[in-house]
């Protein structure tokens, strides 16, 4: 007699009848204290406390020029735009994001393998890592829409099947991040509480959520409580700066109504010891260009 495989325990319930707050069940920094790597011990302590760490200049001005040129090439390439990995603004039709750029572009593939980048991911997650998701985000001036408040892990757990909070993101600025052009906002310390959202996940939810988040969105009351407890930090910085943040940080960004574009490359590293299983709150997994099922470690 054949029995069904045992389902992975759900430590973080979400997409039910009501919102549910669950204390974090996982470490924030998985490596042993004193583990060598690009981050200093003080930076890792701050990351553990706040859920993020900033690097004033991760890549040089010449590298920014190279990566920005590649971003511009991808955004204007008709073949890339016609690909399902390109997401456009619902109102203007301009490109909003291009996913899986480390597979589309040899230039961004180099960035993923850069020791300054992957080395920090390994140091935080305490293991080899693979790319769960990569994308370029483009916020041209005069009306590019923002990304509403959310925890990435809530979506990656519910719709991609990541079991544990052993995932970290890095956003590398390719234009200057001003306090006016739709920069990243994070609630410091919010990564220590998982907010399970209310409502079921529609089939193929990604087709809508990549343009405008709906399922997996916290209530106004919950967000107010989080903001009152944790405050809100807005990230500014020159092109070449970077922000590393934990998968469960409550974060978002506003619209860009200035003349000044805000563009970045966004890479999500997941531990090879935390590979995706069946989604915890969705009918089927999202496509692989959004949530990888190839768990090959970054070399």
C-alpha atoms as a PDB file:
ATOM      1  CA  UNK A   1       0.000   0.000   0.000  1.00  0.00           C
ATOM      2  CA  UNK A   2       1.370   3.403  -1.014  1.00  0.00           C
ATOM      3  CA  UNK A   3       0.898   6.299   1.381  1.00  0.00           C
ATOM      4  CA  UNK A   4       0.894   9.982   0.526  1.00  0.00           C
ATOM      5  CA  UNK A   5       4.075  11.885   1.421  1.00  0.00           C
ATOM      6  CA  UNK A   6       3.963  13.707   4.724  1.00  0.00           C
ATOM      7  CA  UNK A   7       3.255  17.403   4.283  1.00  0.00           C
ATOM      8  CA  UNK A   8       5.766  19.901   5.638  1.00  0.00           C
ATOM      9  CA  UNK A   9       4.542  21.480   8.859  1.00  0.00           C
ATOM     10  CA  UNK A  10       3.076  24.965   8.402  1.00  0.00           C
ATOM     11  CA  UNK A  11       4.744  27.186  10.997  1.00  0.00           C
ATOM     12  CA  UNK A  12       3.266  30.371   9.549  1.00  0.00           C
ATOM     13  CA  UNK A  13      -0.483  30.124   8.813  1.00  0.00           C
ATOM     14  CA  UNK A  14      -1.867  32.686   6.376  1.00  0.00           C
ATOM     15  CA  UNK A  15      -4.674  33.323   3.857  1.00  0.00           C
ATOM     16  CA  UNK A  16      -7.348  32.095   6.281  1.00  0.00           C
ATOM     17  CA  UNK A  17     -10.579  33.655   7.510  1.00  0.00           C
ATOM     18  CA  UNK A  18      -8.819  36.221   9.710  1.00  0.00           C
ATOM     19  CA  UNK A  19      -5.417  37.848  10.164  1.00  0.00           C
ATOM     20  CA  UNK A  20      -3.153  35.910  12.520  1.00  0.00           C
ATOM     21  CA  UNK A  21       0.073  37.220  14.110  1.00  0.00           C
ATOM     22  CA  UNK A  22       2.678  34.509  14.755  1.00  0.00           C
ATOM     23  CA  UNK A  23       5.983  35.123  16.559  1.00  0.00           C
ATOM     24  CA  UNK A  24       8.970  34.314  14.374  1.00  0.00           C
ATOM     25  CA  UNK A  25       9.958  30.649  14.708  1.00  0.00           C
ATOM     26  CA  UNK A  26      13.334  30.923  12.975  1.00  0.00           C
ATOM     27  CA  UNK A  27      16.700  32.626  13.500  1.00  0.00           C
ATOM     28  CA  UNK A  28      17.386  35.891  11.678  1.00  0.00           C
ATOM     29  CA  UNK A  29      21.128  35.270  11.241  1.00  0.00           C
ATOM     30  CA  UNK A  30      21.771  31.553  10.712  1.00  0.00           C
ATOM     31  CA  UNK A  31      25.573  31.493  10.728  1.00  0.00           C
ATOM     32  CA  UNK A  32      27.548  30.911  13.903  1.00  0.00           C
ATOM     33  CA  UNK A  33      28.819  34.045  15.716  1.00  0.00           C
ATOM     34  CA  UNK A  34      32.218  35.054  14.408  1.00  0.00           C
ATOM     35  CA  UNK A  35      31.717  33.438  10.992  1.00  0.00           C
ATOM     36  CA  UNK A  36      33.969  35.233   8.509  1.00  0.00           C
ATOM     37  CA  UNK A  37      32.362  37.161   5.679  1.00  0.00           C
ATOM     38  CA  UNK A  38      31.848  40.601   4.147  1.00  0.00           C
ATOM     39  CA  UNK A  39      29.575  41.782   6.984  1.00  0.00           C
ATOM     40  CA  UNK A  40      31.191  42.860  10.246  1.00  0.00           C
ATOM     41  CA  UNK A  41      29.910  41.468  13.529  1.00  0.00           C
ATOM     42  CA  UNK A  42      28.344  44.857  14.304  1.00  0.00           C
ATOM     43  CA  UNK A  43      26.513  44.891  10.957  1.00  0.00           C
ATOM     44  CA  UNK A  44      25.122  41.404  11.576  1.00  0.00           C
ATOM     45  CA  UNK A  45      23.960  42.432  15.053  1.00  0.00           C
ATOM     46  CA  UNK A  46      22.116  45.375  13.525  1.00  0.00           C
ATOM     47  CA  UNK A  47      20.614  43.123  10.854  1.00  0.00           C
ATOM     48  CA  UNK A  48      19.377  40.701  13.507  1.00  0.00           C
ATOM     49  CA  UNK A  49      17.804  43.535  15.509  1.00  0.00           C
ATOM     50  CA  UNK A  50      16.303  45.650  12.702  1.00  0.00           C
ATOM     51  CA  UNK A  51      15.905  43.174   9.852  1.00  0.00           C
ATOM     52  CA  UNK A  52      18.082  45.118   7.421  1.00  0.00           C
ATOM     53  CA  UNK A  53      21.584  46.411   6.741  1.00  0.00           C
ATOM     54  CA  UNK A  54      22.686  49.147   4.375  1.00  0.00           C
ATOM     55  CA  UNK A  55      25.920  49.404   2.393  1.00  0.00           C
ATOM     56  CA  UNK A  56      26.763  52.953   1.272  1.00  0.00           C
ATOM     57  CA  UNK A  57      28.696  51.769  -1.796  1.00  0.00           C
ATOM     58  CA  UNK A  58      28.444  48.092  -2.659  1.00  0.00           C
ATOM     59  CA  UNK A  59      29.437  48.592  -6.306  1.00  0.00           C
ATOM     60  CA  UNK A  60      31.593  51.283  -7.926  1.00  0.00           C
ATOM     61  CA  UNK A  61      30.466  54.141 -10.176  1.00  0.00           C
ATOM     62  CA  UNK A  62      31.856  52.322 -13.239  1.00  0.00           C
ATOM     63  CA  UNK A  63      29.904  49.201 -12.295  1.00  0.00           C
ATOM     64  CA  UNK A  64      26.743  51.257 -11.820  1.00  0.00           C
ATOM     65  CA  UNK A  65      27.185  52.601 -15.358  1.00  0.00           C
ATOM     66  CA  UNK A  66      27.540  49.076 -16.726  1.00  0.00           C
ATOM     67  CA  UNK A  67      24.553  47.633 -14.869  1.00  0.00           C
ATOM     68  CA  UNK A  68      22.383  50.649 -15.623  1.00  0.00           C
ATOM     69  CA  UNK A  69      23.162  50.294 -19.345  1.00  0.00           C
ATOM     70  CA  UNK A  70      22.139  46.639 -19.159  1.00  0.00           C
ATOM     71  CA  UNK A  71      18.910  47.561 -17.358  1.00  0.00           C
ATOM     72  CA  UNK A  72      18.122  50.127 -20.073  1.00  0.00           C
ATOM     73  CA  UNK A  73      18.866  47.538 -22.770  1.00  0.00           C
ATOM     74  CA  UNK A  74      16.511  44.985 -21.237  1.00  0.00           C
ATOM     75  CA  UNK A  75      13.706  47.486 -20.729  1.00  0.00           C
ATOM     76  CA  UNK A  76      13.837  48.643 -24.354  1.00  0.00           C
ATOM     77  CA  UNK A  77      14.413  45.237 -26.005  1.00  0.00           C
ATOM     78  CA  UNK A  78      11.188  44.270 -27.861  1.00  0.00           C
ATOM     79  CA  UNK A  79      11.842  40.550 -27.354  1.00  0.00           C
ATOM     80  CA  UNK A  80      12.265  40.996 -23.606  1.00  0.00           C
ATOM     81  CA  UNK A  81       9.171  43.189 -23.404  1.00  0.00           C
ATOM     82  CA  UNK A  82       7.117  40.520 -25.188  1.00  0.00           C
ATOM     83  CA  UNK A  83       8.308  37.868 -22.720  1.00  0.00           C
ATOM     84  CA  UNK A  84       6.020  36.931 -19.817  1.00  0.00           C
ATOM     85  CA  UNK A  85       8.866  37.821 -17.473  1.00  0.00           C
ATOM     86  CA  UNK A  86       8.281  41.517 -18.255  1.00  0.00           C
ATOM     87  CA  UNK A  87       5.613  43.214 -16.143  1.00  0.00           C
ATOM     88  CA  UNK A  88       4.160  46.531 -17.310  1.00  0.00           C
ATOM     89  CA  UNK A  89       2.467  49.408 -15.510  1.00  0.00           C
ATOM     90  CA  UNK A  90      -1.323  48.933 -15.710  1.00  0.00           C
ATOM     91  CA  UNK A  91      -1.978  52.581 -16.623  1.00  0.00           C
ATOM     92  CA  UNK A  92       0.958  53.686 -18.797  1.00  0.00           C
ATOM     93  CA  UNK A  93       2.014  50.337 -20.268  1.00  0.00           C
ATOM     94  CA  UNK A  94       5.655  51.089 -19.423  1.00  0.00           C
ATOM     95  CA  UNK A  95       7.859  48.306 -18.103  1.00  0.00           C
ATOM     96  CA  UNK A  96       7.597  47.949 -14.308  1.00  0.00           C
ATOM     97  CA  UNK A  97       9.778  44.869 -13.686  1.00  0.00           C
ATOM     98  CA  UNK A  98      11.730  42.233 -15.594  1.00  0.00           C
ATOM     99  CA  UNK A  99      12.102  38.914 -13.765  1.00  0.00           C
ATOM    100  CA  UNK A 100      14.790  36.247 -13.876  1.00  0.00           C
ATOM    101  CA  UNK A 101      17.400  38.726 -15.060  1.00  0.00           C
ATOM    102  CA  UNK A 102      20.242  36.500 -13.866  1.00  0.00           C
ATOM    103  CA  UNK A 103      19.146  33.999 -16.547  1.00  0.00           C
ATOM    104  CA  UNK A 104      18.261  36.530 -19.256  1.00  0.00           C
ATOM    105  CA  UNK A 105      21.426  38.601 -18.856  1.00  0.00           C
ATOM    106  CA  UNK A 106      25.041  37.402 -18.501  1.00  0.00           C
ATOM    107  CA  UNK A 107      25.824  40.821 -17.010  1.00  0.00           C
ATOM    108  CA  UNK A 108      23.403  40.373 -14.103  1.00  0.00           C
ATOM    109  CA  UNK A 109      24.468  36.728 -13.781  1.00  0.00           C
ATOM    110  CA  UNK A 110      27.944  38.048 -12.938  1.00  0.00           C
ATOM    111  CA  UNK A 111      26.474  40.309 -10.253  1.00  0.00           C
ATOM    112  CA  UNK A 112      24.683  37.375  -8.595  1.00  0.00           C
ATOM    113  CA  UNK A 113      27.998  35.462  -8.356  1.00  0.00           C
ATOM    114  CA  UNK A 114      29.965  38.472  -7.081  1.00  0.00           C
ATOM    115  CA  UNK A 115      31.488  37.624  -3.653  1.00  0.00           C
ATOM    116  CA  UNK A 116      30.344  41.008  -2.322  1.00  0.00           C
ATOM    117  CA  UNK A 117      26.789  39.904  -3.055  1.00  0.00           C
ATOM    118  CA  UNK A 118      26.529  36.129  -2.651  1.00  0.00           C
ATOM    119  CA  UNK A 119      29.067  36.154   0.188  1.00  0.00           C
ATOM    120  CA  UNK A 120      26.784  38.301   2.332  1.00  0.00           C
ATOM    121  CA  UNK A 121      23.838  36.029   1.583  1.00  0.00           C
ATOM    122  CA  UNK A 122      25.786  32.950   2.670  1.00  0.00           C
ATOM    123  CA  UNK A 123      26.914  34.740   5.818  1.00  0.00           C
ATOM    124  CA  UNK A 124      23.352  35.643   6.854  1.00  0.00           C
ATOM    125  CA  UNK A 125      21.761  32.314   5.910  1.00  0.00           C
ATOM    126  CA  UNK A 126      24.573  30.072   7.166  1.00  0.00           C
ATOM    127  CA  UNK A 127      24.667  27.811   4.112  1.00  0.00           C
ATOM    128  CA  UNK A 128      25.057  27.684   0.372  1.00  0.00           C
ATOM    129  CA  UNK A 129      22.344  29.630  -1.403  1.00  0.00           C
ATOM    130  CA  UNK A 130      20.446  29.661  -4.669  1.00  0.00           C
ATOM    131  CA  UNK A 131      18.487  32.439  -6.380  1.00  0.00           C
ATOM    132  CA  UNK A 132      14.801  32.195  -5.529  1.00  0.00           C
ATOM    133  CA  UNK A 133      13.995  35.304  -7.567  1.00  0.00           C
ATOM    134  CA  UNK A 134      15.759  38.112  -9.417  1.00  0.00           C
ATOM    135  CA  UNK A 135      14.401  41.148 -11.168  1.00  0.00           C
ATOM    136  CA  UNK A 136      15.049  44.710 -12.192  1.00  0.00           C
ATOM    137  CA  UNK A 137      12.546  47.276 -10.944  1.00  0.00           C
ATOM    138  CA  UNK A 138      12.015  50.413 -12.971  1.00  0.00           C
ATOM    139  CA  UNK A 139      10.298  53.484 -11.580  1.00  0.00           C
ATOM    140  CA  UNK A 140      10.422  56.153 -14.273  1.00  0.00           C
ATOM    141  CA  UNK A 141       9.459  59.670 -13.279  1.00  0.00           C
ATOM    142  CA  UNK A 142       5.996  61.178 -13.490  1.00  0.00           C
ATOM    143  CA  UNK A 143       3.678  58.507 -12.248  1.00  0.00           C
ATOM    144  CA  UNK A 144       5.286  55.095 -11.723  1.00  0.00           C
ATOM    145  CA  UNK A 145       3.217  53.254  -9.127  1.00  0.00           C
ATOM    146  CA  UNK A 146       4.568  51.930  -5.851  1.00  0.00           C
ATOM    147  CA  UNK A 147       4.504  48.568  -4.087  1.00  0.00           C
ATOM    148  CA  UNK A 148       2.013  48.411  -1.206  1.00  0.00           C
ATOM    149  CA  UNK A 149       3.015  47.263   2.305  1.00  0.00           C
ATOM    150  CA  UNK A 150       3.715  43.548   2.493  1.00  0.00           C
ATOM    151  CA  UNK A 151       6.021  40.837   3.800  1.00  0.00           C
ATOM    152  CA  UNK A 152       7.748  38.992   0.965  1.00  0.00           C
ATOM    153  CA  UNK A 153       7.832  35.808   3.019  1.00  0.00           C
ATOM    154  CA  UNK A 154       4.047  35.843   3.344  1.00  0.00           C
ATOM    155  CA  UNK A 155       3.797  35.502  -0.442  1.00  0.00           C
ATOM    156  CA  UNK A 156       6.767  33.164  -0.837  1.00  0.00           C
ATOM    157  CA  UNK A 157       5.360  30.885   1.882  1.00  0.00           C
ATOM    158  CA  UNK A 158       1.750  30.986   0.705  1.00  0.00           C
ATOM    159  CA  UNK A 159       2.293  30.853  -3.069  1.00  0.00           C
ATOM    160  CA  UNK A 160       5.817  29.442  -3.618  1.00  0.00           C
ATOM    161  CA  UNK A 161       6.072  26.992  -0.708  1.00  0.00           C
ATOM    162  CA  UNK A 162       9.137  28.273   1.152  1.00  0.00           C
ATOM    163  CA  UNK A 163       8.822  26.548   4.561  1.00  0.00           C
ATOM    164  CA  UNK A 164      11.084  28.643   6.801  1.00  0.00           C
ATOM    165  CA  UNK A 165      12.321  32.221   7.113  1.00  0.00           C
ATOM    166  CA  UNK A 166      15.772  31.498   5.700  1.00  0.00           C
ATOM    167  CA  UNK A 167      15.719  33.892   2.771  1.00  0.00           C
ATOM    168  CA  UNK A 168      17.282  37.311   2.277  1.00  0.00           C
ATOM    169  CA  UNK A 169      16.935  40.027  -0.370  1.00  0.00           C
ATOM    170  CA  UNK A 170      19.281  42.711  -1.617  1.00  0.00           C
ATOM    171  CA  UNK A 171      18.184  45.829  -3.468  1.00  0.00           C
ATOM    172  CA  UNK A 172      21.077  47.515  -5.297  1.00  0.00           C
ATOM    173  CA  UNK A 173      20.397  51.077  -6.407  1.00  0.00           C
ATOM    174  CA  UNK A 174      21.214  51.878 -10.036  1.00  0.00           C
ATOM    175  CA  UNK A 175      19.900  55.446  -9.726  1.00  0.00           C
ATOM    176  CA  UNK A 176      19.987  57.827  -6.795  1.00  0.00           C
ATOM    177  CA  UNK A 177      17.404  57.021  -4.123  1.00  0.00           C
ATOM    178  CA  UNK A 178      15.913  60.318  -2.993  1.00  0.00           C
ATOM    179  CA  UNK A 179      13.390  60.867  -0.218  1.00  0.00           C
ATOM    180  CA  UNK A 180      10.903  61.907  -2.912  1.00  0.00           C
ATOM    181  CA  UNK A 181      11.138  59.391  -5.786  1.00  0.00           C
ATOM    182  CA  UNK A 182       9.400  56.343  -4.351  1.00  0.00           C
ATOM    183  CA  UNK A 183      12.150  54.812  -2.248  1.00  0.00           C
ATOM    184  CA  UNK A 184      12.046  51.670  -0.123  1.00  0.00           C
ATOM    185  CA  UNK A 185      10.401  51.920   3.309  1.00  0.00           C
ATOM    186  CA  UNK A 186      10.794  49.276   6.042  1.00  0.00           C
ATOM    187  CA  UNK A 187       9.348  48.957   9.541  1.00  0.00           C
ATOM    188  CA  UNK A 188      12.445  48.105  11.677  1.00  0.00           C
ATOM    189  CA  UNK A 189      11.896  45.036  13.847  1.00  0.00           C
ATOM    190  CA  UNK A 190       8.751  43.953  12.001  1.00  0.00           C
ATOM    191  CA  UNK A 191      10.604  40.836  10.800  1.00  0.00           C
ATOM    192  CA  UNK A 192      10.165  39.288  14.264  1.00  0.00           C
ATOM    193  CA  UNK A 193       6.393  38.876  13.822  1.00  0.00           C
ATOM    194  CA  UNK A 194       4.718  37.043  10.937  1.00  0.00           C
ATOM    195  CA  UNK A 195       1.400  38.564   9.915  1.00  0.00           C
ATOM    196  CA  UNK A 196      -0.804  35.946   8.290  1.00  0.00           C
ATOM    197  CA  UNK A 197      -3.239  37.746   6.001  1.00  0.00           C
ATOM    198  CA  UNK A 198      -6.950  37.089   5.556  1.00  0.00           C
ATOM    199  CA  UNK A 199      -8.537  35.812   2.350  1.00  0.00           C
ATOM    200  CA  UNK A 200      -7.997  32.969  -0.103  1.00  0.00           C
ATOM    201  CA  UNK A 201      -5.461  33.045  -2.925  1.00  0.00           C
ATOM    202  CA  UNK A 202      -7.046  33.220  -6.391  1.00  0.00           C
ATOM    203  CA  UNK A 203      -5.656  30.898  -9.061  1.00  0.00           C
ATOM    204  CA  UNK A 204      -2.938  32.627 -11.113  1.00  0.00           C
ATOM    205  CA  UNK A 205      -2.903  35.428  -8.564  1.00  0.00           C
ATOM    206  CA  UNK A 206       0.571  36.456  -9.729  1.00  0.00           C
ATOM    207  CA  UNK A 207      -0.831  37.896 -12.968  1.00  0.00           C
ATOM    208  CA  UNK A 208      -2.563  40.593 -10.934  1.00  0.00           C
ATOM    209  CA  UNK A 209      -0.328  40.869  -7.870  1.00  0.00           C
ATOM    210  CA  UNK A 210       2.820  41.742  -9.844  1.00  0.00           C
ATOM    211  CA  UNK A 211       1.043  44.879 -11.049  1.00  0.00           C
ATOM    212  CA  UNK A 212      -1.053  45.626  -7.973  1.00  0.00           C
ATOM    213  CA  UNK A 213      -0.944  43.633  -4.733  1.00  0.00           C
ATOM    214  CA  UNK A 214      -4.301  42.390  -3.382  1.00  0.00           C
ATOM    215  CA  UNK A 215      -4.160  38.896  -1.848  1.00  0.00           C
ATOM    216  CA  UNK A 216      -1.622  38.860   0.961  1.00  0.00           C
ATOM    217  CA  UNK A 217      -2.154  42.530   1.820  1.00  0.00           C
ATOM    218  CA  UNK A 218      -2.329  43.418   5.538  1.00  0.00           C
ATOM    219  CA  UNK A 219      -5.284  45.339   6.923  1.00  0.00           C
ATOM    220  CA  UNK A 220      -5.044  49.040   7.722  1.00  0.00           C
ATOM    221  CA  UNK A 221      -5.470  48.213  11.407  1.00  0.00           C
ATOM    222  CA  UNK A 222      -2.593  45.724  11.406  1.00  0.00           C
ATOM    223  CA  UNK A 223      -0.308  48.095   9.507  1.00  0.00           C
ATOM    224  CA  UNK A 224      -1.126  50.919  11.909  1.00  0.00           C
ATOM    225  CA  UNK A 225      -0.216  48.687  14.851  1.00  0.00           C
ATOM    226  CA  UNK A 226       3.064  47.651  13.220  1.00  0.00           C
ATOM    227  CA  UNK A 227       3.964  51.261  12.388  1.00  0.00           C
ATOM    228  CA  UNK A 228       3.133  52.449  15.901  1.00  0.00           C
ATOM    229  CA  UNK A 229       5.383  49.741  17.413  1.00  0.00           C
ATOM    230  CA  UNK A 230       8.253  49.816  14.951  1.00  0.00           C
ATOM    231  CA  UNK A 231       8.221  53.123  13.114  1.00  0.00           C
ATOM    232  CA  UNK A 232       9.077  53.519   9.434  1.00  0.00           C
ATOM    233  CA  UNK A 233      12.538  53.928   7.909  1.00  0.00           C
ATOM    234  CA  UNK A 234      12.935  55.436   4.428  1.00  0.00           C
ATOM    235  CA  UNK A 235      16.098  54.455   2.553  1.00  0.00           C
ATOM    236  CA  UNK A 236      17.979  57.017   0.521  1.00  0.00           C
ATOM    237  CA  UNK A 237      21.416  56.776  -1.033  1.00  0.00           C
ATOM    238  CA  UNK A 238      23.578  57.176  -4.085  1.00  0.00           C
ATOM    239  CA  UNK A 239      23.605  54.826  -7.035  1.00  0.00           C
ATOM    240  CA  UNK A 240      25.704  51.820  -6.057  1.00  0.00           C
ATOM    241  CA  UNK A 241      24.359  51.653  -2.514  1.00  0.00           C
ATOM    242  CA  UNK A 242      22.521  48.542  -1.349  1.00  0.00           C
ATOM    243  CA  UNK A 243      19.982  47.478   1.249  1.00  0.00           C
ATOM    244  CA  UNK A 244      19.910  43.900   2.533  1.00  0.00           C
ATOM    245  CA  UNK A 245      16.663  42.930   4.235  1.00  0.00           C
ATOM    246  CA  UNK A 246      15.108  39.893   5.846  1.00  0.00           C
ATOM    247  CA  UNK A 247      12.337  38.072   4.022  1.00  0.00           C
ATOM    248  CA  UNK A 248       9.737  38.920   6.700  1.00  0.00           C
ATOM    249  CA  UNK A 249      10.295  42.688   6.919  1.00  0.00           C
ATOM    250  CA  UNK A 250       7.118  44.718   6.441  1.00  0.00           C
ATOM    251  CA  UNK A 251       8.057  47.021   3.582  1.00  0.00           C
ATOM    252  CA  UNK A 252       6.714  48.971   0.634  1.00  0.00           C
ATOM    253  CA  UNK A 253       7.349  51.990  -1.560  1.00  0.00           C
ATOM    254  CA  UNK A 254       5.326  54.943  -2.779  1.00  0.00           C
ATOM    255  CA  UNK A 255       4.560  56.240  -6.261  1.00  0.00           C
ATOM    256  CA  UNK A 256       7.202  58.235  -8.083  1.00  0.00           C
ATOM    257  CA  UNK A 257       5.688  61.523  -9.233  1.00  0.00           C
ATOM    258  CA  UNK A 258       9.053  63.321  -9.479  1.00  0.00           C
ATOM    259  CA  UNK A 259      10.978  63.766 -12.742  1.00  0.00           C
ATOM    260  CA  UNK A 260      13.759  61.551 -11.354  1.00  0.00           C
ATOM    261  CA  UNK A 261      13.686  57.803 -12.061  1.00  0.00           C
ATOM    262  CA  UNK A 262      14.374  55.182  -9.407  1.00  0.00           C
ATOM    263  CA  UNK A 263      15.691  51.866 -10.692  1.00  0.00           C
ATOM    264  CA  UNK A 264      17.278  48.944  -8.888  1.00  0.00           C
ATOM    265  CA  UNK A 265      18.268  45.317  -9.281  1.00  0.00           C
ATOM    266  CA  UNK A 266      16.661  43.022  -6.740  1.00  0.00           C
ATOM    267  CA  UNK A 267      18.051  39.560  -5.887  1.00  0.00           C
ATOM    268  CA  UNK A 268      16.499  37.035  -3.496  1.00  0.00           C
ATOM    269  CA  UNK A 269      18.770  34.347  -2.068  1.00  0.00           C
ATOM    270  CA  UNK A 270      17.310  31.281  -0.345  1.00  0.00           C
ATOM    271  CA  UNK A 271      19.174  28.638   1.630  1.00  0.00           C
ATOM    272  CA  UNK A 272      19.675  25.295  -0.112  1.00  0.00           C
ATOM    273  CA  UNK A 273      18.396  23.824   3.178  1.00  0.00           C
ATOM    274  CA  UNK A 274      15.058  25.649   2.763  1.00  0.00           C
ATOM    275  CA  UNK A 275      13.977  24.593  -0.720  1.00  0.00           C
ATOM    276  CA  UNK A 276      10.414  25.108  -1.872  1.00  0.00           C
ATOM    277  CA  UNK A 277       7.698  22.522  -1.268  1.00  0.00           C
ATOM    278  CA  UNK A 278       4.037  22.674  -2.277  1.00  0.00           C
ATOM    279  CA  UNK A 279       2.451  26.102  -1.651  1.00  0.00           C
ATOM    280  CA  UNK A 280       0.985  26.493   1.828  1.00  0.00           C
ATOM    281  CA  UNK A 281      -1.981  28.644   0.735  1.00  0.00           C
ATOM    282  CA  UNK A 282      -2.370  28.572  -3.039  1.00  0.00           C
ATOM    283  CA  UNK A 283      -3.812  26.090  -5.562  1.00  0.00           C
ATOM    284  CA  UNK A 284      -0.548  25.710  -7.519  1.00  0.00           C
ATOM    285  CA  UNK A 285       2.973  27.163  -7.341  1.00  0.00           C
ATOM    286  CA  UNK A 286       3.723  30.369  -9.179  1.00  0.00           C
ATOM    287  CA  UNK A 287       5.796  30.087 -12.399  1.00  0.00           C
ATOM    288  CA  UNK A 288       9.478  29.338 -11.960  1.00  0.00           C
ATOM    289  CA  UNK A 289      10.557  32.758 -13.250  1.00  0.00           C
ATOM    290  CA  UNK A 290       8.962  34.214 -10.088  1.00  0.00           C
ATOM    291  CA  UNK A 291       9.664  31.436  -7.590  1.00  0.00           C
ATOM    292  CA  UNK A 292      12.521  29.145  -8.624  1.00  0.00           C
ATOM    293  CA  UNK A 293      12.330  25.355  -8.518  1.00  0.00           C
ATOM    294  CA  UNK A 294      15.945  24.990  -9.600  1.00  0.00           C
ATOM    295  CA  UNK A 295      17.874  24.820  -6.332  1.00  0.00           C
ATOM    296  CA  UNK A 296      21.391  24.741  -7.808  1.00  0.00           C
ATOM    297  CA  UNK A 297      23.726  26.664  -5.475  1.00  0.00           C
ATOM    298  CA  UNK A 298      25.302  29.868  -6.733  1.00  0.00           C
ATOM    299  CA  UNK A 299      28.895  28.995  -7.548  1.00  0.00           C
END
